[in-house]
């Protein structure tokens, strides 16, 4: 069946927000006298926030997390997009494809980033992490997206930088594309993402043009 719809991830796919979160963490830790390298920060503090107090009982992690979030929100208006990301969005629309966005970021963070690049009105649907549809790999945000834009899974290509994007897309029966530029491999286990067997793997946005 022909492709009619492309569903995008935001963080680490269209926008370089992962670098911003890392920088926010680095600054928050440094001001408190902690010396963590980037790999440790990603491994220990990017995920499973609820377990950090047990692993680091002497750290006031809630205050650190709040400070990092505030840093990210302040700096989102300056966040960079991946090179040629907008070119691909425009190409999708020029070819008559609907485009949508599903993100685990909260609505306030997502809209701040989108508005900084005048992208808020380009998508037929946007779903944020706090919109009530769960987080990937839960398929509910994908199901709601397809309902909104009137697409079927077989007509849909899912593009994301994480294994959860691939898991959700495959569970839905969509085509999947892993966006895996070299700098992103600090934030993800590349081998584990490949093991999810995405239909396509790309390292840059011009390569996506060949898929649509």
N, C-alpha and C. Protein backbone atom coordinates (compact mmCIF):
# COMPACT_ATOMS: atom_id res chain seq x y z
N UNK A 1 0.84 -1.19 0.00
CA UNK A 1 0.00 0.00 0.00
C UNK A 1 0.88 1.24 0.00
N UNK A 2 0.49 2.27 -0.75
CA UNK A 2 1.29 3.48 -0.87
C UNK A 2 1.34 4.25 0.44
N UNK A 3 2.45 4.92 0.67
CA UNK A 3 2.63 5.74 1.85
C UNK A 3 1.79 7.01 1.73
N UNK A 4 1.01 7.31 2.79
CA UNK A 4 0.22 8.54 2.80
C UNK A 4 0.48 9.40 4.04
N UNK A 5 1.18 8.84 5.03
CA UNK A 5 1.31 9.52 6.33
C UNK A 5 2.68 9.21 6.93
N UNK A 6 3.32 10.24 7.49
CA UNK A 6 4.60 10.07 8.18
C UNK A 6 4.45 10.59 9.60
N UNK A 7 4.75 9.74 10.56
CA UNK A 7 4.64 10.07 11.98
C UNK A 7 6.05 10.26 12.53
N UNK A 8 6.33 11.47 13.03
CA UNK A 8 7.66 11.83 13.50
C UNK A 8 7.73 11.84 15.02
N UNK A 9 8.90 11.51 15.54
CA UNK A 9 9.28 11.79 16.92
C UNK A 9 9.88 13.20 16.94
N UNK A 10 10.02 13.79 18.13
CA UNK A 10 10.57 15.15 18.25
C UNK A 10 11.98 15.14 18.82
N UNK A 11 12.12 14.71 20.09
CA UNK A 11 13.42 14.78 20.77
C UNK A 11 14.41 13.81 20.16
N UNK A 12 15.53 14.33 19.70
CA UNK A 12 16.56 13.46 19.12
C UNK A 12 16.25 13.02 17.71
N UNK A 13 15.14 13.51 17.15
CA UNK A 13 14.77 13.14 15.78
C UNK A 13 14.66 14.39 14.91
N UNK A 14 13.77 15.28 15.26
CA UNK A 14 13.70 16.57 14.57
C UNK A 14 14.55 17.62 15.26
N UNK A 15 14.54 17.61 16.59
CA UNK A 15 15.23 18.64 17.36
C UNK A 15 16.35 18.05 18.22
N UNK A 16 17.41 18.81 18.36
CA UNK A 16 18.57 18.35 19.13
C UNK A 16 18.40 18.65 20.62
N UNK A 17 17.27 18.27 21.14
CA UNK A 17 16.95 18.55 22.54
C UNK A 17 17.72 17.65 23.50
N UNK A 18 18.15 16.49 23.04
CA UNK A 18 18.90 15.60 23.94
C UNK A 18 20.19 16.29 24.40
N UNK A 19 20.83 17.01 23.50
CA UNK A 19 22.04 17.75 23.87
C UNK A 19 21.72 18.82 24.92
N UNK A 20 20.54 19.42 24.79
CA UNK A 20 20.13 20.46 25.74
C UNK A 20 19.88 19.86 27.12
N UNK A 21 19.22 18.73 27.18
CA UNK A 21 19.00 18.05 28.47
C UNK A 21 20.33 17.65 29.10
N UNK A 22 21.26 17.18 28.29
CA UNK A 22 22.57 16.80 28.82
C UNK A 22 23.28 18.02 29.41
N UNK A 23 23.26 19.13 28.69
CA UNK A 23 23.92 20.34 29.18
C UNK A 23 23.28 20.82 30.47
N UNK A 24 21.96 20.76 30.55
CA UNK A 24 21.27 21.16 31.78
C UNK A 24 21.68 20.30 32.95
N UNK A 25 21.78 19.00 32.73
CA UNK A 25 22.22 18.10 33.80
C UNK A 25 23.66 18.40 34.20
N UNK A 26 24.53 18.59 33.22
CA UNK A 26 25.93 18.86 33.53
C UNK A 26 26.07 20.09 34.42
N UNK A 27 25.36 21.14 34.09
CA UNK A 27 25.47 22.38 34.87
C UNK A 27 24.91 22.21 36.27
N UNK A 28 23.78 21.49 36.38
CA UNK A 28 23.18 21.29 37.70
C UNK A 28 24.09 20.46 38.60
N UNK A 29 24.71 19.44 38.03
CA UNK A 29 25.62 18.61 38.83
C UNK A 29 26.90 19.36 39.19
N UNK A 30 27.44 20.11 38.24
CA UNK A 30 28.69 20.83 38.51
C UNK A 30 28.53 21.85 39.64
N UNK A 31 27.39 22.54 39.67
CA UNK A 31 27.20 23.55 40.73
C UNK A 31 27.08 22.90 42.10
N UNK A 32 26.82 21.60 42.14
CA UNK A 32 26.70 20.88 43.41
C UNK A 32 27.94 20.05 43.72
N UNK A 33 28.96 20.19 42.89
CA UNK A 33 30.22 19.50 43.16
C UNK A 33 30.30 18.08 42.65
N UNK A 34 29.35 17.66 41.81
CA UNK A 34 29.41 16.31 41.24
C UNK A 34 30.16 16.35 39.92
N UNK A 35 30.97 15.33 39.68
CA UNK A 35 31.77 15.25 38.46
C UNK A 35 31.40 13.97 37.70
N UNK A 36 30.34 14.05 36.92
CA UNK A 36 29.88 12.91 36.13
C UNK A 36 30.21 13.16 34.66
N UNK A 37 30.71 12.13 33.98
CA UNK A 37 30.94 12.27 32.54
C UNK A 37 29.60 12.11 31.81
N UNK A 38 29.53 12.52 30.54
CA UNK A 38 28.26 12.47 29.81
C UNK A 38 27.63 11.09 29.77
N UNK A 39 28.45 10.05 29.60
CA UNK A 39 27.91 8.70 29.54
C UNK A 39 27.21 8.32 30.84
N UNK A 40 27.81 8.70 31.97
CA UNK A 40 27.20 8.39 33.26
C UNK A 40 25.90 9.16 33.45
N UNK A 41 25.89 10.41 33.06
CA UNK A 41 24.66 11.21 33.19
C UNK A 41 23.53 10.58 32.40
N UNK A 42 23.81 10.20 31.17
CA UNK A 42 22.76 9.59 30.34
C UNK A 42 22.30 8.27 30.95
N UNK A 43 23.25 7.44 31.36
CA UNK A 43 22.91 6.12 31.89
C UNK A 43 22.16 6.20 33.21
N UNK A 44 22.58 7.09 34.11
CA UNK A 44 22.05 7.10 35.46
C UNK A 44 20.87 8.05 35.68
N UNK A 45 20.77 9.11 34.86
CA UNK A 45 19.81 10.16 35.20
C UNK A 45 18.83 10.55 34.09
N UNK A 46 19.00 10.01 32.90
CA UNK A 46 18.09 10.37 31.81
C UNK A 46 16.76 9.62 31.90
N UNK A 47 16.77 8.48 32.53
CA UNK A 47 15.58 7.62 32.57
C UNK A 47 15.32 7.16 34.00
N UNK A 48 14.13 6.64 34.23
CA UNK A 48 13.78 6.05 35.53
C UNK A 48 14.10 6.98 36.70
N UNK A 49 13.58 8.19 36.60
CA UNK A 49 13.84 9.19 37.65
C UNK A 49 13.39 8.71 39.03
N UNK A 50 12.36 7.87 39.06
CA UNK A 50 11.83 7.44 40.35
C UNK A 50 12.81 6.54 41.12
N UNK A 51 13.78 5.96 40.43
CA UNK A 51 14.74 5.08 41.11
C UNK A 51 16.02 5.81 41.53
N UNK A 52 16.21 7.06 41.07
CA UNK A 52 17.45 7.78 41.39
C UNK A 52 17.63 7.97 42.89
N UNK A 53 16.60 8.37 43.66
CA UNK A 53 16.81 8.55 45.10
C UNK A 53 17.31 7.30 45.80
N UNK A 54 16.91 6.12 45.33
CA UNK A 54 17.41 4.88 45.95
C UNK A 54 18.87 4.63 45.58
N UNK A 55 19.24 4.99 44.36
CA UNK A 55 20.61 4.76 43.91
C UNK A 55 21.57 5.84 44.40
N UNK A 56 21.05 7.03 44.63
CA UNK A 56 21.87 8.15 45.10
C UNK A 56 21.14 8.81 46.28
N UNK A 57 21.09 8.13 47.44
CA UNK A 57 20.27 8.61 48.57
C UNK A 57 20.73 9.95 49.16
N UNK A 58 21.97 10.33 48.96
CA UNK A 58 22.46 11.58 49.54
C UNK A 58 22.32 12.77 48.57
N UNK A 59 21.74 12.52 47.41
CA UNK A 59 21.59 13.56 46.40
C UNK A 59 20.15 14.09 46.44
N UNK A 60 20.01 15.40 46.39
CA UNK A 60 18.68 16.01 46.32
C UNK A 60 18.25 16.03 44.85
N UNK A 61 17.91 14.85 44.33
CA UNK A 61 17.64 14.76 42.90
C UNK A 61 16.38 15.51 42.47
N UNK A 62 15.32 15.54 43.28
CA UNK A 62 14.15 16.33 42.83
C UNK A 62 14.48 17.78 42.52
N UNK A 63 15.34 18.41 43.32
CA UNK A 63 15.71 19.79 43.04
C UNK A 63 16.57 19.88 41.79
N UNK A 64 17.42 18.88 41.58
CA UNK A 64 18.24 18.86 40.36
C UNK A 64 17.36 18.72 39.13
N UNK A 65 16.41 17.79 39.20
CA UNK A 65 15.52 17.57 38.06
C UNK A 65 14.71 18.81 37.74
N UNK A 66 14.25 19.51 38.77
CA UNK A 66 13.48 20.74 38.55
C UNK A 66 14.36 21.82 37.92
N UNK A 67 15.60 21.90 38.37
CA UNK A 67 16.52 22.90 37.82
C UNK A 67 16.83 22.60 36.35
N UNK A 68 17.02 21.32 36.04
CA UNK A 68 17.31 20.94 34.66
C UNK A 68 16.13 21.26 33.75
N UNK A 69 14.94 20.94 34.21
CA UNK A 69 13.75 21.22 33.40
C UNK A 69 13.62 22.73 33.15
N UNK A 70 13.88 23.53 34.18
CA UNK A 70 13.82 24.98 34.02
C UNK A 70 14.86 25.46 33.02
N UNK A 71 16.06 24.89 33.08
CA UNK A 71 17.12 25.24 32.14
C UNK A 71 16.70 24.92 30.71
N UNK A 72 16.14 23.73 30.52
CA UNK A 72 15.71 23.32 29.18
C UNK A 72 14.62 24.24 28.66
N UNK A 73 13.64 24.54 29.49
CA UNK A 73 12.55 25.42 29.06
C UNK A 73 13.07 26.79 28.65
N UNK A 74 14.01 27.32 29.41
CA UNK A 74 14.56 28.65 29.08
C UNK A 74 15.32 28.64 27.77
N UNK A 75 15.94 27.52 27.46
CA UNK A 75 16.82 27.47 26.29
C UNK A 75 16.19 26.83 25.06
N UNK A 76 14.98 26.31 25.19
CA UNK A 76 14.32 25.70 24.04
C UNK A 76 14.14 26.65 22.86
N UNK A 77 13.88 27.94 23.09
CA UNK A 77 13.76 28.83 21.93
C UNK A 77 15.00 28.86 21.04
N UNK A 78 16.14 28.43 21.59
CA UNK A 78 17.38 28.43 20.81
C UNK A 78 17.81 27.03 20.36
N UNK A 79 16.96 26.04 20.60
CA UNK A 79 17.36 24.67 20.27
C UNK A 79 17.50 24.52 18.75
N UNK A 80 18.53 23.78 18.35
CA UNK A 80 18.76 23.55 16.92
C UNK A 80 17.96 22.35 16.43
N UNK A 81 17.56 22.41 15.19
CA UNK A 81 16.98 21.25 14.52
C UNK A 81 18.11 20.50 13.80
N UNK A 82 17.88 19.22 13.54
CA UNK A 82 18.85 18.48 12.75
C UNK A 82 18.85 19.03 11.32
N UNK A 83 20.01 19.03 10.73
CA UNK A 83 20.16 19.60 9.39
C UNK A 83 19.21 18.92 8.40
N UNK A 84 18.49 19.73 7.65
CA UNK A 84 17.57 19.29 6.60
C UNK A 84 16.28 18.68 7.13
N UNK A 85 16.04 18.75 8.44
CA UNK A 85 14.79 18.21 8.98
C UNK A 85 13.58 18.94 8.39
N UNK A 86 13.65 20.27 8.33
CA UNK A 86 12.53 21.04 7.79
C UNK A 86 12.35 20.75 6.31
N UNK A 87 13.44 20.52 5.60
CA UNK A 87 13.35 20.17 4.18
C UNK A 87 12.51 18.92 3.98
N UNK A 88 12.69 17.94 4.86
CA UNK A 88 11.92 16.69 4.76
C UNK A 88 10.46 16.93 5.10
N UNK A 89 10.19 17.74 6.13
CA UNK A 89 8.80 18.06 6.47
C UNK A 89 8.11 18.72 5.28
N UNK A 90 8.79 19.66 4.65
CA UNK A 90 8.21 20.36 3.50
C UNK A 90 8.02 19.41 2.32
N UNK A 91 8.97 18.49 2.14
CA UNK A 91 8.87 17.53 1.04
C UNK A 91 7.67 16.60 1.24
N UNK A 92 7.43 16.19 2.48
CA UNK A 92 6.26 15.35 2.76
C UNK A 92 4.98 16.05 2.34
N UNK A 93 4.84 17.29 2.74
CA UNK A 93 3.63 18.04 2.44
C UNK A 93 3.52 18.30 0.94
N UNK A 94 4.65 18.57 0.29
CA UNK A 94 4.63 18.82 -1.16
C UNK A 94 4.20 17.59 -1.93
N UNK A 95 4.46 16.41 -1.38
CA UNK A 95 4.11 15.16 -2.04
C UNK A 95 2.74 14.64 -1.61
N UNK A 96 2.02 15.45 -0.85
CA UNK A 96 0.65 15.11 -0.47
C UNK A 96 0.54 14.18 0.71
N UNK A 97 1.62 14.05 1.49
CA UNK A 97 1.59 13.18 2.67
C UNK A 97 1.15 14.00 3.88
N UNK A 98 0.33 13.41 4.73
CA UNK A 98 0.05 14.04 6.02
C UNK A 98 1.21 13.75 6.96
N UNK A 99 1.48 14.67 7.88
CA UNK A 99 2.56 14.48 8.84
C UNK A 99 2.02 14.73 10.25
N UNK A 100 2.55 13.98 11.20
CA UNK A 100 2.12 14.11 12.59
C UNK A 100 3.32 13.96 13.50
N UNK A 101 3.08 14.23 14.77
CA UNK A 101 4.17 14.23 15.76
C UNK A 101 3.67 13.57 17.03
N UNK A 102 4.45 12.61 17.55
CA UNK A 102 4.19 11.99 18.84
C UNK A 102 5.46 12.10 19.67
N UNK A 103 5.36 12.76 20.82
CA UNK A 103 6.52 13.00 21.66
C UNK A 103 6.25 12.59 23.10
N UNK A 104 7.31 12.20 23.79
CA UNK A 104 7.20 11.93 25.23
C UNK A 104 7.38 13.20 26.04
N UNK A 105 7.78 14.30 25.41
CA UNK A 105 7.93 15.57 26.12
C UNK A 105 6.57 16.12 26.54
N UNK A 106 6.56 16.86 27.64
CA UNK A 106 5.33 17.50 28.09
C UNK A 106 4.89 18.54 27.07
N UNK A 107 3.60 18.83 27.07
CA UNK A 107 3.02 19.75 26.09
C UNK A 107 3.72 21.11 26.09
N UNK A 108 3.99 21.66 27.26
CA UNK A 108 4.63 22.97 27.34
C UNK A 108 6.00 22.98 26.70
N UNK A 109 6.79 21.94 26.97
CA UNK A 109 8.11 21.84 26.37
C UNK A 109 8.02 21.66 24.86
N UNK A 110 7.13 20.78 24.43
CA UNK A 110 6.99 20.51 23.01
C UNK A 110 6.58 21.75 22.24
N UNK A 111 5.58 22.45 22.72
CA UNK A 111 5.09 23.62 21.99
C UNK A 111 6.11 24.75 21.99
N UNK A 112 6.87 24.88 23.06
CA UNK A 112 7.91 25.90 23.08
C UNK A 112 8.94 25.64 21.99
N UNK A 113 9.35 24.39 21.86
CA UNK A 113 10.31 24.03 20.82
C UNK A 113 9.75 24.19 19.43
N UNK A 114 8.51 23.75 19.23
CA UNK A 114 7.88 23.88 17.91
C UNK A 114 7.72 25.34 17.52
N UNK A 115 7.25 26.14 18.45
CA UNK A 115 7.01 27.55 18.15
C UNK A 115 8.31 28.29 17.81
N UNK A 116 9.42 27.84 18.41
CA UNK A 116 10.70 28.50 18.14
C UNK A 116 11.10 28.39 16.68
N UNK A 117 10.57 27.36 16.01
CA UNK A 117 10.90 27.15 14.60
C UNK A 117 9.66 27.28 13.70
N UNK A 118 8.59 27.85 14.25
CA UNK A 118 7.35 28.05 13.48
C UNK A 118 6.85 26.74 12.88
N UNK A 119 6.92 25.68 13.68
CA UNK A 119 6.49 24.36 13.22
C UNK A 119 5.14 23.94 13.78
N UNK A 120 4.57 24.74 14.67
CA UNK A 120 3.39 24.31 15.39
C UNK A 120 2.20 24.00 14.52
N UNK A 121 2.08 24.66 13.36
CA UNK A 121 0.90 24.46 12.51
C UNK A 121 1.16 23.51 11.34
N UNK A 122 2.34 22.94 11.28
CA UNK A 122 2.67 22.11 10.12
C UNK A 122 2.12 20.69 10.23
N UNK A 123 1.85 20.25 11.45
CA UNK A 123 1.46 18.86 11.65
C UNK A 123 -0.05 18.71 11.72
N UNK A 124 -0.54 17.63 11.13
CA UNK A 124 -1.96 17.36 11.21
C UNK A 124 -2.39 16.95 12.59
N UNK A 125 -1.47 16.45 13.39
CA UNK A 125 -1.74 16.08 14.79
C UNK A 125 -0.43 16.14 15.56
N UNK A 126 -0.49 16.63 16.79
CA UNK A 126 0.65 16.51 17.71
C UNK A 126 0.14 15.95 19.03
N UNK A 127 0.84 14.96 19.54
CA UNK A 127 0.51 14.38 20.84
C UNK A 127 1.75 14.45 21.73
N UNK A 128 1.57 15.03 22.91
CA UNK A 128 2.66 15.18 23.88
C UNK A 128 2.55 14.11 24.97
N UNK A 129 3.61 14.01 25.76
CA UNK A 129 3.67 12.96 26.76
C UNK A 129 2.66 13.09 27.87
N UNK A 130 2.16 14.30 28.10
CA UNK A 130 1.17 14.49 29.17
C UNK A 130 -0.24 14.73 28.63
N UNK A 131 -0.50 14.28 27.41
CA UNK A 131 -1.83 14.45 26.82
C UNK A 131 -2.81 13.34 27.20
N UNK A 132 -2.32 12.34 27.93
CA UNK A 132 -3.21 11.30 28.42
C UNK A 132 -3.26 10.03 27.60
N UNK A 133 -2.34 9.88 26.64
CA UNK A 133 -2.35 8.68 25.80
C UNK A 133 -1.20 7.74 26.10
N UNK A 134 -0.46 8.00 27.16
CA UNK A 134 0.66 7.14 27.52
C UNK A 134 1.91 7.51 26.75
N UNK A 135 2.99 6.80 27.06
CA UNK A 135 4.29 7.03 26.43
C UNK A 135 4.67 5.84 25.57
N UNK A 136 5.33 6.10 24.46
CA UNK A 136 5.89 5.01 23.66
C UNK A 136 6.79 4.14 24.54
N UNK A 137 6.75 2.82 24.39
CA UNK A 137 6.18 2.05 23.28
C UNK A 137 4.69 1.74 23.37
N UNK A 138 3.98 2.33 24.31
CA UNK A 138 2.52 2.22 24.32
C UNK A 138 2.00 2.69 22.96
N UNK A 139 1.12 1.93 22.36
CA UNK A 139 0.63 2.27 21.03
C UNK A 139 -0.53 3.26 21.04
N UNK A 140 -1.04 3.62 22.21
CA UNK A 140 -2.21 4.49 22.24
C UNK A 140 -1.99 5.84 21.57
N UNK A 141 -0.83 6.52 21.78
CA UNK A 141 -0.67 7.79 21.06
C UNK A 141 -0.61 7.61 19.56
N UNK A 142 -0.11 6.47 19.10
CA UNK A 142 -0.09 6.20 17.66
C UNK A 142 -1.49 5.93 17.14
N UNK A 143 -2.27 5.18 17.89
CA UNK A 143 -3.64 4.89 17.47
C UNK A 143 -4.47 6.17 17.38
N UNK A 144 -4.31 7.03 18.37
CA UNK A 144 -5.05 8.29 18.35
C UNK A 144 -4.60 9.16 17.18
N UNK A 145 -3.31 9.17 16.91
CA UNK A 145 -2.80 9.96 15.79
C UNK A 145 -3.39 9.49 14.47
N UNK A 146 -3.38 8.20 14.24
CA UNK A 146 -3.92 7.68 12.98
C UNK A 146 -5.41 7.96 12.87
N UNK A 147 -6.11 7.92 13.99
CA UNK A 147 -7.54 8.26 13.96
C UNK A 147 -7.73 9.71 13.55
N UNK A 148 -6.92 10.58 14.09
CA UNK A 148 -7.06 12.01 13.81
C UNK A 148 -6.79 12.34 12.34
N UNK A 149 -5.76 11.72 11.78
CA UNK A 149 -5.38 12.08 10.41
C UNK A 149 -6.02 11.19 9.36
N UNK A 150 -6.75 10.16 9.81
CA UNK A 150 -7.45 9.29 8.88
C UNK A 150 -6.53 8.38 8.08
N UNK A 151 -5.46 7.89 8.72
CA UNK A 151 -4.51 7.01 8.04
C UNK A 151 -4.59 5.61 8.64
N UNK A 152 -4.09 4.64 7.91
CA UNK A 152 -3.99 3.27 8.40
C UNK A 152 -2.53 2.96 8.69
N UNK A 153 -2.27 1.95 9.52
CA UNK A 153 -0.87 1.60 9.80
C UNK A 153 -0.07 1.27 8.55
N UNK A 154 -0.66 0.55 7.63
CA UNK A 154 0.09 0.15 6.43
C UNK A 154 0.44 1.33 5.53
N UNK A 155 -0.24 2.46 5.73
CA UNK A 155 0.04 3.67 4.95
C UNK A 155 1.03 4.59 5.67
N UNK A 156 1.49 4.18 6.85
CA UNK A 156 2.22 5.08 7.74
C UNK A 156 3.67 4.67 7.91
N UNK A 157 4.55 5.66 7.85
CA UNK A 157 5.97 5.48 8.17
C UNK A 157 6.24 6.19 9.48
N UNK A 158 6.81 5.47 10.45
CA UNK A 158 7.18 6.03 11.75
C UNK A 158 8.68 6.29 11.75
N UNK A 159 9.08 7.52 12.10
CA UNK A 159 10.50 7.87 12.14
C UNK A 159 10.85 8.34 13.55
N UNK A 160 11.81 7.68 14.18
CA UNK A 160 12.22 8.06 15.52
C UNK A 160 13.64 7.59 15.81
N UNK A 161 14.22 8.11 16.89
CA UNK A 161 15.62 7.83 17.21
C UNK A 161 15.79 6.75 18.26
N UNK A 162 14.69 6.22 18.78
CA UNK A 162 14.78 5.31 19.91
C UNK A 162 14.09 3.97 19.60
N UNK A 163 14.49 2.96 20.36
CA UNK A 163 13.86 1.65 20.20
C UNK A 163 12.36 1.70 20.51
N UNK A 164 11.94 2.67 21.36
CA UNK A 164 10.51 2.71 21.70
C UNK A 164 9.68 3.16 20.50
N UNK A 165 10.26 4.01 19.63
CA UNK A 165 9.57 4.39 18.41
C UNK A 165 9.38 3.17 17.50
N UNK A 166 10.44 2.39 17.40
CA UNK A 166 10.38 1.21 16.54
C UNK A 166 9.42 0.17 17.13
N UNK A 167 9.48 -0.04 18.43
CA UNK A 167 8.57 -1.00 19.08
C UNK A 167 7.11 -0.62 18.84
N UNK A 168 6.79 0.64 19.06
CA UNK A 168 5.40 1.08 18.90
C UNK A 168 4.97 0.99 17.45
N UNK A 169 5.85 1.42 16.54
CA UNK A 169 5.51 1.35 15.13
C UNK A 169 5.30 -0.07 14.64
N UNK A 170 6.17 -0.96 15.02
CA UNK A 170 6.03 -2.36 14.61
C UNK A 170 4.78 -3.00 15.21
N UNK A 171 4.51 -2.67 16.47
CA UNK A 171 3.31 -3.22 17.11
C UNK A 171 2.03 -2.77 16.40
N UNK A 172 2.08 -1.57 15.81
CA UNK A 172 0.94 -1.05 15.07
C UNK A 172 0.84 -1.59 13.65
N UNK A 173 1.93 -2.16 13.15
CA UNK A 173 1.94 -2.62 11.77
C UNK A 173 2.37 -1.55 10.78
N UNK A 174 3.06 -0.50 11.30
CA UNK A 174 3.57 0.57 10.44
C UNK A 174 4.96 0.22 9.92
N UNK A 175 5.37 0.87 8.83
CA UNK A 175 6.77 0.85 8.45
C UNK A 175 7.53 1.69 9.46
N UNK A 176 8.79 1.33 9.73
CA UNK A 176 9.56 2.05 10.74
C UNK A 176 10.92 2.45 10.19
N UNK A 177 11.39 3.61 10.67
CA UNK A 177 12.69 4.12 10.27
C UNK A 177 13.42 4.60 11.52
N UNK A 178 14.59 4.06 11.78
CA UNK A 178 15.42 4.49 12.90
C UNK A 178 16.32 5.62 12.43
N UNK A 179 16.18 6.78 13.07
CA UNK A 179 17.05 7.92 12.79
C UNK A 179 18.24 7.83 13.75
N UNK A 180 19.44 7.56 13.21
CA UNK A 180 20.57 7.22 14.06
C UNK A 180 21.85 7.94 13.64
N UNK A 181 21.87 9.28 13.71
CA UNK A 181 23.13 9.98 13.44
C UNK A 181 24.16 9.65 14.51
N UNK A 182 25.41 9.71 14.16
CA UNK A 182 26.48 9.31 15.09
C UNK A 182 26.38 10.00 16.45
N UNK A 183 26.14 11.32 16.53
CA UNK A 183 26.09 11.97 17.86
C UNK A 183 25.00 11.42 18.78
N UNK A 184 23.93 10.88 18.20
CA UNK A 184 22.84 10.34 19.02
C UNK A 184 23.22 9.07 19.76
N UNK A 185 24.29 8.45 19.37
CA UNK A 185 24.63 7.16 19.96
C UNK A 185 25.14 7.29 21.39
N UNK A 186 25.41 8.52 21.81
CA UNK A 186 25.67 8.77 23.23
C UNK A 186 24.42 8.49 24.06
N UNK A 187 23.26 8.74 23.47
CA UNK A 187 22.01 8.69 24.21
C UNK A 187 21.26 7.36 24.07
N UNK A 188 21.63 6.54 23.11
CA UNK A 188 20.91 5.30 22.86
C UNK A 188 21.89 4.16 22.63
N UNK A 189 21.45 2.96 22.97
CA UNK A 189 22.19 1.75 22.66
C UNK A 189 21.88 1.40 21.21
N UNK A 190 22.80 1.73 20.32
CA UNK A 190 22.54 1.58 18.89
C UNK A 190 22.29 0.12 18.52
N UNK A 191 23.08 -0.78 19.08
CA UNK A 191 22.90 -2.20 18.76
C UNK A 191 21.52 -2.69 19.20
N UNK A 192 21.08 -2.22 20.37
CA UNK A 192 19.75 -2.63 20.86
C UNK A 192 18.65 -2.07 19.96
N UNK A 193 18.84 -0.84 19.47
CA UNK A 193 17.84 -0.27 18.56
C UNK A 193 17.80 -1.04 17.25
N UNK A 194 18.95 -1.42 16.72
CA UNK A 194 18.98 -2.21 15.50
C UNK A 194 18.34 -3.57 15.69
N UNK A 195 18.48 -4.11 16.90
CA UNK A 195 17.89 -5.42 17.18
C UNK A 195 16.37 -5.40 17.11
N UNK A 196 15.77 -4.22 17.16
CA UNK A 196 14.31 -4.10 17.03
C UNK A 196 13.86 -4.25 15.58
N UNK A 197 14.82 -4.37 14.68
CA UNK A 197 14.57 -4.63 13.26
C UNK A 197 13.70 -3.56 12.58
N UNK A 198 14.15 -2.30 12.64
CA UNK A 198 13.43 -1.28 11.87
C UNK A 198 13.52 -1.58 10.38
N UNK A 199 12.54 -1.14 9.64
CA UNK A 199 12.55 -1.36 8.19
C UNK A 199 13.66 -0.57 7.51
N UNK A 200 13.98 0.58 8.07
CA UNK A 200 15.00 1.45 7.49
C UNK A 200 15.86 2.03 8.61
N UNK A 201 17.11 2.31 8.31
CA UNK A 201 18.01 2.99 9.23
C UNK A 201 18.69 4.10 8.45
N UNK A 202 18.62 5.33 8.97
CA UNK A 202 19.25 6.47 8.30
C UNK A 202 20.10 7.25 9.30
N UNK A 203 21.11 7.91 8.78
CA UNK A 203 21.98 8.72 9.64
C UNK A 203 21.80 10.21 9.39
N UNK A 204 21.00 10.57 8.40
CA UNK A 204 20.77 11.98 8.10
C UNK A 204 19.42 12.13 7.41
N UNK A 205 18.91 13.36 7.40
CA UNK A 205 17.58 13.60 6.86
C UNK A 205 17.50 13.49 5.34
N UNK A 206 18.51 13.88 4.57
CA UNK A 206 18.40 13.67 3.12
C UNK A 206 18.13 12.21 2.74
N UNK A 207 18.63 11.27 3.54
CA UNK A 207 18.37 9.85 3.26
C UNK A 207 16.89 9.50 3.39
N UNK A 208 16.18 10.27 4.23
CA UNK A 208 14.74 10.01 4.40
C UNK A 208 13.97 10.35 3.13
N UNK A 209 14.47 11.31 2.36
CA UNK A 209 13.77 11.70 1.14
C UNK A 209 13.62 10.52 0.19
N UNK A 210 14.56 9.57 0.26
CA UNK A 210 14.49 8.40 -0.61
C UNK A 210 13.38 7.44 -0.18
N UNK A 211 12.87 7.60 1.05
CA UNK A 211 11.85 6.67 1.57
C UNK A 211 10.43 7.17 1.35
N UNK A 212 10.28 8.45 1.03
CA UNK A 212 8.93 9.02 0.91
C UNK A 212 8.57 9.33 -0.54
